[in-house]
Structure formats: structure tokens, C-alpha cells
N, C-alpha and C. Protein backbone atom coordinates (compact mmCIF):
# COMPACT_ATOMS: atom_id res chain seq x y z
N MET A 1 5.08 -34.30 6.62
CA MET A 1 5.98 -33.33 7.10
C MET A 1 5.51 -31.91 7.06
N SER A 2 6.17 -31.05 6.52
CA SER A 2 5.78 -29.77 6.34
C SER A 2 5.47 -29.35 4.80
N ASP A 3 5.57 -30.33 3.93
CA ASP A 3 5.46 -30.03 2.59
C ASP A 3 5.99 -28.85 1.85
N GLY A 4 7.38 -28.18 2.49
CA GLY A 4 8.10 -27.22 2.05
C GLY A 4 7.70 -25.91 2.76
N LEU A 5 6.88 -25.72 3.94
CA LEU A 5 6.45 -24.75 4.54
C LEU A 5 7.66 -24.26 5.45
N LYS A 6 7.93 -23.03 5.81
CA LYS A 6 8.67 -22.73 6.90
C LYS A 6 8.19 -21.64 7.65
N CYS A 7 8.41 -21.42 8.86
CA CYS A 7 8.14 -20.71 9.80
C CYS A 7 8.33 -19.27 9.32
N PRO A 8 7.19 -18.41 9.08
CA PRO A 8 7.32 -16.99 8.78
C PRO A 8 8.19 -16.21 9.72
N GLN A 9 8.14 -16.67 10.99
CA GLN A 9 9.02 -15.98 12.14
C GLN A 9 10.56 -16.04 12.06
N CYS A 10 10.81 -17.48 12.08
CA CYS A 10 12.20 -17.60 12.37
C CYS A 10 12.81 -18.49 11.33
N GLY A 11 12.10 -19.12 10.17
CA GLY A 11 12.39 -19.44 9.00
C GLY A 11 12.66 -21.02 9.33
N SER A 12 12.23 -21.78 10.40
CA SER A 12 12.57 -23.09 10.69
C SER A 12 11.68 -23.91 9.66
N GLU A 13 12.38 -24.91 9.27
CA GLU A 13 11.81 -26.20 8.40
C GLU A 13 10.84 -27.10 9.02
N HIS A 14 11.17 -27.04 10.51
CA HIS A 14 10.43 -28.06 11.26
C HIS A 14 9.13 -27.59 11.93
N VAL A 15 8.19 -27.61 10.64
CA VAL A 15 6.80 -27.16 11.47
C VAL A 15 5.82 -28.24 11.06
N TYR A 16 4.73 -28.29 11.82
CA TYR A 16 3.76 -29.35 11.91
C TYR A 16 2.11 -28.84 11.92
N GLN A 17 1.46 -29.36 11.33
CA GLN A 17 0.10 -28.79 11.18
C GLN A 17 -0.92 -29.26 12.58
N ASP A 18 -1.44 -28.41 13.07
CA ASP A 18 -2.16 -28.85 14.55
C ASP A 18 -3.86 -28.31 13.99
N GLY A 19 -4.58 -28.97 13.56
CA GLY A 19 -5.78 -28.57 12.80
C GLY A 19 -5.63 -27.93 11.77
N GLU A 20 -6.28 -26.54 11.77
CA GLU A 20 -6.18 -25.47 10.65
C GLU A 20 -4.78 -24.50 10.81
N LEU A 21 -4.10 -24.72 11.86
CA LEU A 21 -2.99 -23.61 12.07
C LEU A 21 -1.76 -24.71 11.85
N TRP A 22 -0.61 -24.02 11.62
CA TRP A 22 0.67 -24.51 11.47
C TRP A 22 1.31 -24.04 12.72
N VAL A 23 2.42 -24.71 13.33
CA VAL A 23 2.77 -24.57 14.49
C VAL A 23 4.68 -24.78 14.14
N CYS A 24 5.44 -23.94 14.90
CA CYS A 24 6.87 -24.07 14.82
C CYS A 24 7.08 -24.60 16.32
N PRO A 25 7.83 -25.60 16.25
CA PRO A 25 8.14 -25.96 17.72
C PRO A 25 9.40 -25.42 18.05
N GLU A 26 10.23 -24.45 17.13
CA GLU A 26 11.18 -23.76 17.68
C GLU A 26 11.04 -22.59 18.48
N CYS A 27 9.91 -21.70 17.78
CA CYS A 27 9.86 -20.36 18.19
C CYS A 27 8.21 -20.23 18.71
N ALA A 28 7.71 -21.55 18.75
CA ALA A 28 6.21 -21.52 19.30
C ALA A 28 5.38 -20.67 18.44
N HIS A 29 5.80 -20.11 17.24
CA HIS A 29 4.77 -19.32 16.46
C HIS A 29 3.58 -20.15 15.83
N GLU A 30 2.24 -19.79 15.64
CA GLU A 30 1.28 -20.32 15.07
C GLU A 30 0.76 -19.41 13.78
N TRP A 31 0.44 -19.93 12.83
CA TRP A 31 -0.09 -19.25 11.58
C TRP A 31 -0.77 -20.07 10.99
N SER A 32 -1.89 -19.41 10.10
CA SER A 32 -2.68 -19.78 9.27
C SER A 32 -2.16 -19.68 7.80
N PRO A 33 -1.53 -20.37 6.96
CA PRO A 33 -1.22 -20.27 5.77
C PRO A 33 -2.42 -19.50 4.67
N LEU A 34 -3.54 -19.88 4.86
CA LEU A 34 -4.72 -19.21 4.18
C LEU A 34 -4.77 -17.65 4.48
N ALA A 35 -4.56 -17.59 6.02
CA ALA A 35 -4.92 -15.93 6.46
C ALA A 35 -3.86 -15.22 5.98
N ALA A 36 -2.52 -15.69 6.06
CA ALA A 36 -1.41 -15.01 5.69
C ALA A 36 -1.27 -14.53 3.97
N ALA A 37 -1.72 -15.52 3.51
CA ALA A 37 -1.95 -15.28 1.73
C ALA A 37 -2.97 -14.45 1.82
N THR A 38 -4.02 -14.36 2.54
CA THR A 38 -5.00 -13.38 2.34
C THR A 38 -4.67 -11.84 2.82
N ALA A 39 -3.79 -11.83 3.69
CA ALA A 39 -3.27 -10.58 4.29
C ALA A 39 -2.43 -9.88 3.48
N SER A 40 -1.40 -10.69 2.71
CA SER A 40 -0.39 -10.16 1.56
C SER A 40 -1.10 -9.88 0.50
N ASP A 41 -2.30 -10.28 0.16
CA ASP A 41 -3.01 -9.70 -1.20
C ASP A 41 -3.75 -8.46 -0.65
N ASN A 42 -4.11 -8.06 0.49
CA ASN A 42 -4.66 -6.86 1.12
C ASN A 42 -3.55 -5.56 1.04
N GLU A 43 -2.32 -6.01 1.34
CA GLU A 43 -1.37 -5.10 1.63
C GLU A 43 -0.76 -4.79 0.13
N GLN A 44 -0.86 -5.40 -0.85
CA GLN A 44 -0.65 -5.01 -2.08
C GLN A 44 -1.29 -4.04 -2.49
N GLY A 45 -0.48 -3.06 -3.38
CA GLY A 45 -1.43 -2.19 -4.02
C GLY A 45 -1.32 -0.86 -3.47
N VAL A 46 -1.62 0.33 -4.00
CA VAL A 46 -1.70 1.50 -3.29
C VAL A 46 -3.55 1.83 -3.11
N ARG A 47 -3.30 2.34 -1.97
CA ARG A 47 -4.87 2.98 -1.46
C ARG A 47 -4.90 4.06 -1.23
N ASP A 48 -6.29 4.70 -1.36
CA ASP A 48 -6.23 6.32 -0.86
C ASP A 48 -6.47 6.46 0.64
N ALA A 49 -6.98 7.57 1.06
CA ALA A 49 -7.02 8.22 2.20
C ALA A 49 -8.28 7.07 3.04
N HIS A 50 -9.18 6.72 2.23
CA HIS A 50 -10.38 5.88 2.51
C HIS A 50 -10.23 4.55 2.49
N GLY A 51 -9.17 3.88 1.96
CA GLY A 51 -9.02 2.72 1.61
C GLY A 51 -9.60 1.99 0.52
N ASN A 52 -9.65 2.77 -0.56
CA ASN A 52 -10.14 2.28 -1.84
C ASN A 52 -8.84 2.02 -2.71
N PRO A 53 -8.82 1.13 -3.39
CA PRO A 53 -7.40 0.93 -4.04
C PRO A 53 -7.73 1.75 -5.23
N LEU A 54 -6.41 2.11 -5.70
CA LEU A 54 -6.08 3.04 -6.64
C LEU A 54 -5.21 2.25 -7.88
N SER A 55 -5.67 2.50 -9.10
CA SER A 55 -4.86 2.04 -10.22
C SER A 55 -4.49 3.22 -11.15
N ASP A 56 -3.63 2.74 -12.21
CA ASP A 56 -3.16 3.88 -13.29
C ASP A 56 -4.27 4.23 -14.05
N GLY A 57 -4.31 5.48 -14.27
CA GLY A 57 -5.22 6.02 -15.19
C GLY A 57 -6.48 6.82 -14.35
N ASP A 58 -6.57 6.46 -12.97
CA ASP A 58 -7.85 6.95 -11.84
C ASP A 58 -7.81 8.35 -11.84
N SER A 59 -8.80 9.02 -11.59
CA SER A 59 -8.93 10.42 -11.16
C SER A 59 -9.00 10.40 -9.67
N VAL A 60 -8.26 11.38 -9.00
CA VAL A 60 -8.42 11.52 -7.60
C VAL A 60 -8.49 13.01 -7.22
N THR A 61 -9.11 13.08 -6.13
CA THR A 61 -9.19 14.44 -5.50
C THR A 61 -8.57 14.78 -4.23
N VAL A 62 -7.81 15.60 -4.23
CA VAL A 62 -6.87 16.20 -3.02
C VAL A 62 -7.88 16.46 -1.70
N ILE A 63 -7.60 15.85 -0.59
CA ILE A 63 -8.43 16.22 0.47
C ILE A 63 -7.94 17.12 1.54
N LYS A 64 -6.75 17.81 1.30
CA LYS A 64 -6.31 19.12 2.25
C LYS A 64 -5.44 19.71 1.66
N ASP A 65 -5.18 21.27 1.84
CA ASP A 65 -4.18 21.89 1.27
C ASP A 65 -2.65 21.30 1.41
N LEU A 66 -2.15 21.26 0.26
CA LEU A 66 -0.74 20.76 0.38
C LEU A 66 0.33 21.60 -0.30
N LYS A 67 1.37 22.04 0.55
CA LYS A 67 2.30 22.97 0.01
C LYS A 67 3.15 22.43 -0.75
N VAL A 68 3.64 22.91 -1.72
CA VAL A 68 4.59 22.23 -2.65
C VAL A 68 5.97 22.68 -2.19
N LYS A 69 6.75 21.56 -2.01
CA LYS A 69 8.06 21.77 -1.33
C LYS A 69 8.92 22.59 -2.42
N GLY A 70 9.84 23.64 -2.08
CA GLY A 70 10.56 24.38 -2.77
C GLY A 70 9.89 25.40 -3.44
N SER A 71 8.57 25.79 -3.22
CA SER A 71 7.85 26.81 -3.84
C SER A 71 6.76 27.44 -2.98
N SER A 72 6.22 28.48 -3.58
CA SER A 72 5.24 29.28 -2.53
C SER A 72 3.88 28.95 -2.98
N LEU A 73 3.77 27.84 -3.94
CA LEU A 73 2.40 27.19 -4.41
C LEU A 73 1.97 26.26 -3.65
N VAL A 74 0.48 26.08 -3.53
CA VAL A 74 -0.27 25.21 -2.81
C VAL A 74 -1.41 24.38 -3.56
N VAL A 75 -1.20 23.16 -3.44
CA VAL A 75 -2.26 22.62 -4.20
C VAL A 75 -3.26 22.54 -3.10
N LYS A 76 -4.84 23.23 -3.47
CA LYS A 76 -5.90 23.19 -2.65
C LYS A 76 -6.57 22.12 -2.42
N GLY A 77 -7.26 21.96 -1.11
CA GLY A 77 -8.18 20.74 -0.96
C GLY A 77 -9.43 20.78 -2.15
N GLY A 78 -9.40 19.65 -2.57
CA GLY A 78 -10.84 19.53 -3.44
C GLY A 78 -10.24 19.53 -5.08
N THR A 79 -8.93 19.87 -5.15
CA THR A 79 -8.43 19.85 -6.68
C THR A 79 -8.48 18.48 -7.47
N LYS A 80 -9.10 18.25 -8.27
CA LYS A 80 -9.02 16.95 -8.80
C LYS A 80 -7.89 16.92 -9.94
N VAL A 81 -7.30 15.64 -9.77
CA VAL A 81 -6.26 15.23 -10.71
C VAL A 81 -6.92 14.04 -11.43
N LYS A 82 -6.49 14.06 -12.79
CA LYS A 82 -7.07 12.86 -13.77
C LYS A 82 -5.80 12.49 -13.96
N ASN A 83 -5.93 11.16 -14.43
CA ASN A 83 -5.06 10.40 -15.00
C ASN A 83 -3.68 10.22 -14.44
N ILE A 84 -3.83 9.66 -13.11
CA ILE A 84 -2.66 9.41 -12.24
C ILE A 84 -1.87 8.36 -12.83
N ARG A 85 -0.74 8.23 -12.27
CA ARG A 85 0.37 7.12 -12.58
C ARG A 85 0.99 6.62 -11.39
N LEU A 86 0.91 5.44 -11.05
CA LEU A 86 1.26 4.94 -9.61
C LEU A 86 2.78 4.63 -9.93
N VAL A 87 3.66 4.84 -8.86
CA VAL A 87 5.25 4.68 -9.04
C VAL A 87 5.40 4.04 -7.54
N ASP A 88 6.70 3.36 -7.60
CA ASP A 88 7.26 2.66 -6.37
C ASP A 88 8.24 3.71 -5.99
N ALA A 89 7.82 4.68 -4.93
CA ALA A 89 8.85 5.46 -4.23
C ALA A 89 9.15 5.10 -2.74
N ASP A 90 10.72 5.22 -2.73
CA ASP A 90 10.89 4.97 -1.11
C ASP A 90 10.41 6.21 -0.23
N ASP A 91 10.12 7.49 -0.55
CA ASP A 91 9.58 8.55 0.31
C ASP A 91 8.34 8.61 0.26
N GLY A 92 7.28 7.29 0.03
CA GLY A 92 6.06 7.57 0.15
C GLY A 92 5.30 8.15 -0.85
N HIS A 93 5.79 9.04 -1.75
CA HIS A 93 5.15 9.60 -2.77
C HIS A 93 4.83 9.05 -4.14
N ASN A 94 3.73 7.92 -3.81
CA ASN A 94 3.60 6.85 -4.76
C ASN A 94 2.67 7.25 -5.86
N ILE A 95 2.06 8.39 -6.13
CA ILE A 95 1.25 8.77 -7.19
C ILE A 95 2.18 9.86 -8.24
N ALA A 96 2.36 9.52 -9.32
CA ALA A 96 2.98 10.71 -10.15
C ALA A 96 1.74 11.23 -10.97
N CYS A 97 1.50 12.55 -10.95
CA CYS A 97 0.40 13.29 -11.82
C CYS A 97 1.07 14.61 -12.43
N LYS A 98 -0.03 15.23 -13.22
CA LYS A 98 0.25 16.60 -13.44
C LYS A 98 -1.02 17.28 -13.29
N ILE A 99 -0.71 18.63 -12.30
CA ILE A 99 -1.83 19.25 -11.87
C ILE A 99 -1.77 20.90 -12.65
N ASP A 100 -2.89 21.16 -13.01
CA ASP A 100 -3.05 22.39 -13.96
C ASP A 100 -2.61 23.55 -13.03
N GLY A 101 -1.93 24.24 -13.69
CA GLY A 101 -1.59 25.57 -13.13
C GLY A 101 -0.04 25.18 -11.96
N ILE A 102 0.30 23.98 -11.88
CA ILE A 102 1.30 23.72 -11.22
C ILE A 102 2.39 22.71 -11.87
N GLY A 103 1.72 21.85 -12.55
CA GLY A 103 2.92 20.86 -13.29
C GLY A 103 2.69 19.64 -12.78
N ALA A 104 3.91 19.07 -13.33
CA ALA A 104 3.89 17.58 -12.92
C ALA A 104 4.62 17.42 -11.25
N MET A 105 4.08 16.73 -10.67
CA MET A 105 4.74 16.29 -9.35
C MET A 105 4.19 14.98 -8.68
N ASN A 106 4.58 14.69 -7.64
CA ASN A 106 4.26 13.30 -6.92
C ASN A 106 3.69 13.57 -5.75
N LEU A 107 2.59 12.94 -5.47
CA LEU A 107 1.66 12.84 -4.14
C LEU A 107 1.76 11.72 -3.35
N LYS A 108 1.56 11.76 -1.98
CA LYS A 108 1.36 10.81 -1.28
C LYS A 108 -0.29 10.19 -1.28
N SER A 109 -0.51 8.92 -1.29
CA SER A 109 -1.66 8.63 -1.49
C SER A 109 -2.62 8.69 -0.07
N GLU A 110 -2.05 9.05 0.79
CA GLU A 110 -2.84 9.31 2.18
C GLU A 110 -3.64 10.51 1.96
N PHE A 111 -3.28 11.23 1.02
CA PHE A 111 -3.71 12.77 0.97
C PHE A 111 -4.88 13.03 -0.21
N VAL A 112 -5.24 12.00 -0.68
CA VAL A 112 -6.16 11.81 -1.82
C VAL A 112 -7.19 10.79 -1.59
N LYS A 113 -8.35 11.07 -2.25
CA LYS A 113 -9.49 10.07 -2.36
C LYS A 113 -9.86 9.88 -3.73
N LYS A 114 -10.24 8.81 -4.04
CA LYS A 114 -10.70 8.32 -5.19
C LYS A 114 -11.81 9.09 -5.92
N ALA A 115 -11.99 9.55 -7.24
CA ALA A 115 -13.15 10.62 -7.64
C ALA A 115 -13.89 9.74 -8.19
């Protein structure tokens, strides 16, 4: 039978294997469990603007001028930020850091590159 697999689209337990693919007879969705596992591994983790994986303690460089919300300060492009900390934030600001002259703040990973 399906060995505990469920359709990722509709959740049906009535799936069957057809060659290398699994097929759901209820919604006609076809998928490869191996490709799905590889895709989920690639989605995990924080990546910089160029797709490089980031981790705690890395150094990054800001790639464009960023206005600091609620202040007249600007983080200039090319500013190097050391010892970042990755956080799980709902607003997309997934890097916590301290910038010289500005202080503690959060950045979006799409505006930095790994140094």
C-alpha cells in the first residue's frame, strides 16, 4: 500500500507508487518523496541576497543604504556587521546584530551578503 505516506496536496492516505513517483487517485497529484525532502532541506535556513547560507556568528556586509525606522540615521551600503545572530521573526527581519554608531537592530537577510 502506501507505507504511511499521505498526499501532500489533499492529505489522502490512498496513494500508490507509479515508477519513481507517488500518485494520489483522489486529486491526481504526482510527487517524488525524495525531491520533496531535498526541496524542504533547501528552504530551511536563512540565506543572504546571493543565496549563501548564513549562520550565527557570521559577518555580513550591507548591500544598499537602509533607513533606520523612527530615526534619521542611515546604515550605509558596504557597512560590515560582525557576529550576527539569526532570529525567527514574522516581519522578515531575521538577523539581529549590533552596528557601530547605531546600536542593536534587526536586518532582513535580503539586504546583506556574506562577508
